[in-house]
N, C-alpha and C. Protein backbone atom coordinates (compact mmCIF):
# COMPACT_ATOMS: atom_id res chain seq x y z
N UNK A 1 -81.90 -15.95 38.84
CA UNK A 1 -80.57 -16.46 39.07
C UNK A 1 -80.04 -17.18 37.85
N UNK A 2 -80.94 -17.83 37.15
CA UNK A 2 -80.57 -18.55 35.94
C UNK A 2 -79.99 -17.59 34.90
N UNK A 3 -80.58 -16.43 34.84
CA UNK A 3 -80.10 -15.42 33.90
C UNK A 3 -78.69 -14.96 34.29
N UNK A 4 -78.43 -14.84 35.56
CA UNK A 4 -77.12 -14.44 36.07
C UNK A 4 -76.07 -15.48 35.71
N UNK A 5 -76.42 -16.74 35.83
CA UNK A 5 -75.50 -17.82 35.48
C UNK A 5 -75.27 -17.83 33.97
N UNK A 6 -76.33 -17.64 33.23
CA UNK A 6 -76.18 -17.60 31.76
C UNK A 6 -75.28 -16.44 31.33
N UNK A 7 -75.43 -15.32 31.98
CA UNK A 7 -74.57 -14.16 31.67
C UNK A 7 -73.11 -14.46 31.99
N UNK A 8 -72.91 -15.13 33.11
CA UNK A 8 -71.54 -15.48 33.50
C UNK A 8 -70.94 -16.50 32.52
N UNK A 9 -71.73 -17.47 32.12
CA UNK A 9 -71.25 -18.46 31.16
C UNK A 9 -70.94 -17.79 29.82
N UNK A 10 -71.80 -16.90 29.40
CA UNK A 10 -71.57 -16.16 28.15
C UNK A 10 -70.28 -15.34 28.26
N UNK A 11 -70.13 -14.67 29.38
CA UNK A 11 -68.91 -13.88 29.60
C UNK A 11 -67.67 -14.78 29.59
N UNK A 12 -67.76 -15.93 30.25
CA UNK A 12 -66.62 -16.86 30.27
C UNK A 12 -66.32 -17.39 28.88
N UNK A 13 -67.36 -17.65 28.09
CA UNK A 13 -67.15 -18.12 26.71
C UNK A 13 -66.44 -17.05 25.88
N UNK A 14 -66.88 -15.80 26.08
CA UNK A 14 -66.25 -14.69 25.36
C UNK A 14 -64.78 -14.54 25.79
N UNK A 15 -64.54 -14.67 27.08
CA UNK A 15 -63.17 -14.60 27.59
C UNK A 15 -62.33 -15.73 27.00
N UNK A 16 -62.89 -16.93 26.96
CA UNK A 16 -62.16 -18.07 26.40
C UNK A 16 -61.87 -17.84 24.92
N UNK A 17 -62.85 -17.28 24.22
CA UNK A 17 -62.66 -16.99 22.79
C UNK A 17 -61.57 -15.94 22.60
N UNK A 18 -61.60 -14.89 23.41
CA UNK A 18 -60.58 -13.84 23.34
C UNK A 18 -59.20 -14.40 23.66
N UNK A 19 -59.12 -15.23 24.69
CA UNK A 19 -57.83 -15.84 25.06
C UNK A 19 -57.32 -16.73 23.94
N UNK A 20 -58.21 -17.46 23.30
CA UNK A 20 -57.81 -18.32 22.18
C UNK A 20 -57.24 -17.48 21.04
N UNK A 21 -57.93 -16.38 20.73
CA UNK A 21 -57.44 -15.48 19.68
C UNK A 21 -56.09 -14.89 20.05
N UNK A 22 -55.93 -14.50 21.29
CA UNK A 22 -54.65 -13.94 21.75
C UNK A 22 -53.54 -14.98 21.66
N UNK A 23 -53.85 -16.23 22.00
CA UNK A 23 -52.85 -17.29 21.92
C UNK A 23 -52.44 -17.56 20.48
N UNK A 24 -53.41 -17.52 19.57
CA UNK A 24 -53.11 -17.73 18.14
C UNK A 24 -52.19 -16.62 17.64
N UNK A 25 -52.52 -15.39 18.02
CA UNK A 25 -51.67 -14.25 17.61
C UNK A 25 -50.27 -14.35 18.22
N UNK A 26 -50.22 -14.72 19.50
CA UNK A 26 -48.92 -14.86 20.16
C UNK A 26 -48.10 -15.96 19.50
N UNK A 27 -48.77 -17.05 19.13
CA UNK A 27 -48.08 -18.14 18.46
C UNK A 27 -47.53 -17.69 17.11
N UNK A 28 -48.31 -16.91 16.38
CA UNK A 28 -47.85 -16.39 15.08
C UNK A 28 -46.65 -15.46 15.27
N UNK A 29 -46.72 -14.61 16.29
CA UNK A 29 -45.58 -13.72 16.57
C UNK A 29 -44.35 -14.52 16.97
N UNK A 30 -44.56 -15.57 17.73
CA UNK A 30 -43.45 -16.42 18.15
C UNK A 30 -42.80 -17.08 16.93
N UNK A 31 -43.63 -17.55 16.00
CA UNK A 31 -43.08 -18.13 14.77
C UNK A 31 -42.27 -17.10 14.00
N UNK A 32 -42.79 -15.87 13.92
CA UNK A 32 -42.07 -14.80 13.22
C UNK A 32 -40.74 -14.51 13.91
N UNK A 33 -40.76 -14.45 15.23
CA UNK A 33 -39.53 -14.19 15.98
C UNK A 33 -38.52 -15.32 15.78
N UNK A 34 -39.00 -16.55 15.78
CA UNK A 34 -38.11 -17.69 15.52
C UNK A 34 -37.48 -17.57 14.13
N UNK A 35 -38.28 -17.16 13.16
CA UNK A 35 -37.77 -16.98 11.80
C UNK A 35 -36.68 -15.90 11.77
N UNK A 36 -36.93 -14.79 12.46
CA UNK A 36 -35.94 -13.72 12.53
C UNK A 36 -34.66 -14.19 13.21
N UNK A 37 -34.81 -14.94 14.27
CA UNK A 37 -33.64 -15.46 14.98
C UNK A 37 -32.81 -16.37 14.07
N UNK A 38 -33.50 -17.21 13.31
CA UNK A 38 -32.78 -18.09 12.38
C UNK A 38 -32.06 -17.28 11.30
N UNK A 39 -32.72 -16.22 10.80
CA UNK A 39 -32.09 -15.35 9.81
C UNK A 39 -30.86 -14.66 10.39
N UNK A 40 -31.00 -14.19 11.63
CA UNK A 40 -29.86 -13.54 12.29
C UNK A 40 -28.71 -14.53 12.50
N UNK A 41 -29.05 -15.76 12.84
CA UNK A 41 -28.01 -16.78 13.02
C UNK A 41 -27.29 -17.05 11.72
N UNK A 42 -28.03 -17.13 10.62
CA UNK A 42 -27.41 -17.36 9.31
C UNK A 42 -26.54 -16.16 8.93
N UNK A 43 -27.05 -14.95 9.18
CA UNK A 43 -26.28 -13.75 8.87
C UNK A 43 -25.00 -13.70 9.71
N UNK A 44 -25.11 -14.10 10.96
CA UNK A 44 -23.94 -14.11 11.83
C UNK A 44 -22.90 -15.11 11.35
N UNK A 45 -23.37 -16.29 10.95
CA UNK A 45 -22.44 -17.30 10.43
C UNK A 45 -21.78 -16.80 9.16
N UNK A 46 -22.54 -16.13 8.30
CA UNK A 46 -21.98 -15.57 7.07
C UNK A 46 -20.94 -14.50 7.39
N UNK A 47 -21.26 -13.65 8.37
CA UNK A 47 -20.31 -12.61 8.77
C UNK A 47 -19.04 -13.23 9.34
N UNK A 48 -19.18 -14.28 10.14
CA UNK A 48 -18.02 -14.96 10.70
C UNK A 48 -17.14 -15.53 9.58
N UNK A 49 -17.78 -16.12 8.58
CA UNK A 49 -17.02 -16.68 7.45
C UNK A 49 -16.30 -15.58 6.68
N UNK A 50 -16.96 -14.45 6.49
CA UNK A 50 -16.34 -13.34 5.76
C UNK A 50 -15.19 -12.74 6.56
N UNK A 51 -15.35 -12.65 7.88
CA UNK A 51 -14.27 -12.12 8.72
C UNK A 51 -13.08 -13.06 8.68
N UNK A 52 -13.34 -14.36 8.72
CA UNK A 52 -12.24 -15.33 8.64
C UNK A 52 -11.53 -15.21 7.30
N UNK A 53 -12.29 -15.02 6.21
CA UNK A 53 -11.68 -14.86 4.89
C UNK A 53 -10.84 -13.59 4.84
N UNK A 54 -11.33 -12.52 5.46
CA UNK A 54 -10.55 -11.27 5.51
C UNK A 54 -9.27 -11.45 6.32
N UNK A 55 -9.36 -12.18 7.41
CA UNK A 55 -8.17 -12.44 8.22
C UNK A 55 -7.14 -13.24 7.42
N UNK A 56 -7.60 -14.25 6.68
CA UNK A 56 -6.69 -15.03 5.83
C UNK A 56 -6.06 -14.15 4.77
N UNK A 57 -6.88 -13.29 4.16
CA UNK A 57 -6.36 -12.38 3.13
C UNK A 57 -5.33 -11.43 3.72
N UNK A 58 -5.58 -10.95 4.93
CA UNK A 58 -4.62 -10.06 5.60
C UNK A 58 -3.30 -10.78 5.85
N UNK A 59 -3.37 -12.03 6.29
CA UNK A 59 -2.15 -12.81 6.53
C UNK A 59 -1.37 -12.98 5.23
N UNK A 60 -2.09 -13.32 4.15
CA UNK A 60 -1.41 -13.49 2.85
C UNK A 60 -0.80 -12.18 2.38
N UNK A 61 -1.51 -11.07 2.59
CA UNK A 61 -1.00 -9.76 2.20
C UNK A 61 0.26 -9.42 2.98
N UNK A 62 0.25 -9.68 4.27
CA UNK A 62 1.43 -9.40 5.09
C UNK A 62 2.62 -10.25 4.66
N UNK A 63 2.37 -11.51 4.32
CA UNK A 63 3.45 -12.38 3.85
C UNK A 63 3.99 -11.88 2.52
N UNK A 64 3.10 -11.46 1.62
CA UNK A 64 3.53 -10.94 0.32
C UNK A 64 4.34 -9.66 0.49
N UNK A 65 3.91 -8.78 1.41
CA UNK A 65 4.66 -7.55 1.67
C UNK A 65 6.04 -7.85 2.24
N UNK A 66 6.12 -8.86 3.08
CA UNK A 66 7.42 -9.23 3.65
C UNK A 66 8.36 -9.71 2.54
N UNK A 67 7.82 -10.58 1.65
CA UNK A 67 8.65 -11.05 0.52
C UNK A 67 9.06 -9.90 -0.39
N UNK A 68 8.13 -8.97 -0.61
CA UNK A 68 8.42 -7.81 -1.45
C UNK A 68 9.50 -6.94 -0.81
N UNK A 69 9.41 -6.74 0.50
CA UNK A 69 10.43 -5.94 1.21
C UNK A 69 11.80 -6.60 1.12
N UNK A 70 11.81 -7.92 1.26
CA UNK A 70 13.09 -8.64 1.14
C UNK A 70 13.65 -8.52 -0.26
N UNK A 71 12.79 -8.66 -1.26
CA UNK A 71 13.25 -8.54 -2.65
C UNK A 71 13.73 -7.12 -2.91
N UNK A 72 13.05 -6.14 -2.37
CA UNK A 72 13.45 -4.75 -2.55
C UNK A 72 14.82 -4.51 -1.90
N UNK A 73 15.05 -5.09 -0.72
CA UNK A 73 16.34 -4.93 -0.05
C UNK A 73 17.46 -5.55 -0.90
N UNK A 74 17.18 -6.74 -1.49
CA UNK A 74 18.18 -7.36 -2.37
C UNK A 74 18.44 -6.50 -3.61
N UNK A 75 17.39 -5.91 -4.15
CA UNK A 75 17.54 -5.06 -5.32
C UNK A 75 18.35 -3.81 -5.00
N UNK A 76 18.10 -3.23 -3.84
CA UNK A 76 18.88 -2.05 -3.42
C UNK A 76 20.35 -2.42 -3.27
N UNK A 77 20.61 -3.57 -2.67
CA UNK A 77 21.99 -4.03 -2.50
C UNK A 77 22.65 -4.27 -3.86
N UNK A 78 21.92 -4.92 -4.77
CA UNK A 78 22.46 -5.19 -6.10
C UNK A 78 22.72 -3.88 -6.85
N UNK A 79 21.83 -2.91 -6.70
CA UNK A 79 22.01 -1.61 -7.36
C UNK A 79 23.25 -0.90 -6.82
N UNK A 80 23.46 -0.99 -5.51
CA UNK A 80 24.65 -0.37 -4.92
C UNK A 80 25.91 -1.04 -5.45
N UNK A 81 25.88 -2.36 -5.55
CA UNK A 81 27.03 -3.10 -6.09
C UNK A 81 27.28 -2.71 -7.56
N UNK A 82 26.21 -2.58 -8.32
CA UNK A 82 26.33 -2.17 -9.73
C UNK A 82 26.90 -0.77 -9.82
N UNK A 83 26.43 0.12 -8.96
CA UNK A 83 26.95 1.50 -8.96
C UNK A 83 28.45 1.51 -8.66
N UNK A 84 28.89 0.68 -7.70
CA UNK A 84 30.32 0.62 -7.38
C UNK A 84 31.13 0.15 -8.59
N UNK A 85 30.65 -0.89 -9.25
CA UNK A 85 31.36 -1.42 -10.42
C UNK A 85 31.37 -0.39 -11.54
N UNK A 86 30.24 0.32 -11.73
CA UNK A 86 30.18 1.34 -12.77
C UNK A 86 31.15 2.48 -12.47
N UNK A 87 31.21 2.88 -11.18
CA UNK A 87 32.16 3.93 -10.79
C UNK A 87 33.59 3.48 -11.07
N UNK A 88 33.89 2.22 -10.76
CA UNK A 88 35.24 1.70 -11.02
C UNK A 88 35.52 1.71 -12.52
N UNK A 89 34.57 1.31 -13.33
CA UNK A 89 34.75 1.29 -14.79
C UNK A 89 34.96 2.71 -15.32
N UNK A 90 34.19 3.65 -14.80
CA UNK A 90 34.35 5.05 -15.22
C UNK A 90 35.75 5.55 -14.87
N UNK A 91 36.21 5.19 -13.67
CA UNK A 91 37.57 5.59 -13.27
C UNK A 91 38.61 5.01 -14.21
N UNK A 92 38.43 3.73 -14.60
CA UNK A 92 39.38 3.08 -15.53
C UNK A 92 39.37 3.80 -16.87
N UNK A 93 38.19 4.11 -17.39
CA UNK A 93 38.09 4.80 -18.69
C UNK A 93 38.72 6.17 -18.59
N UNK A 94 38.52 6.89 -17.52
CA UNK A 94 39.12 8.21 -17.36
C UNK A 94 40.64 8.11 -17.32
N UNK A 95 41.15 7.11 -16.59
CA UNK A 95 42.60 6.94 -16.51
C UNK A 95 43.18 6.63 -17.90
N UNK A 96 42.47 5.78 -18.65
CA UNK A 96 42.95 5.43 -20.00
C UNK A 96 42.95 6.65 -20.90
N UNK A 97 41.97 7.50 -20.79
CA UNK A 97 41.89 8.72 -21.62
C UNK A 97 42.99 9.69 -21.18
N UNK A 98 43.23 9.73 -19.89
CA UNK A 98 44.24 10.66 -19.39
C UNK A 98 45.65 10.23 -19.84
N UNK A 99 45.85 8.94 -20.04
CA UNK A 99 47.16 8.44 -20.45
C UNK A 99 47.38 8.70 -21.92
N UNK A 100 46.44 8.98 -22.71
CA UNK A 100 46.60 9.19 -24.14
C UNK A 100 47.05 10.55 -24.44
């Protein structure tokens, strides 16, 4: 019977040793997973910052395009006014030549 108890104790010691090794490995994996989670969090924060910067750039681009469109509209209007004055001047020159 003593041998049976010794075998059981030996088996329990081996089981305890195996469980200890498994816990150490699980702890190492947990540390690795925590590290990955922290890296993902940092990457996510970086992505959020870059998206915010892109949104700001888009807003500035839209504002610049609006100002450009307004300036273009004023330029078109000024060109039309210049064309009218040039047409009037051409008419005056033609009339003066016709009178000679």
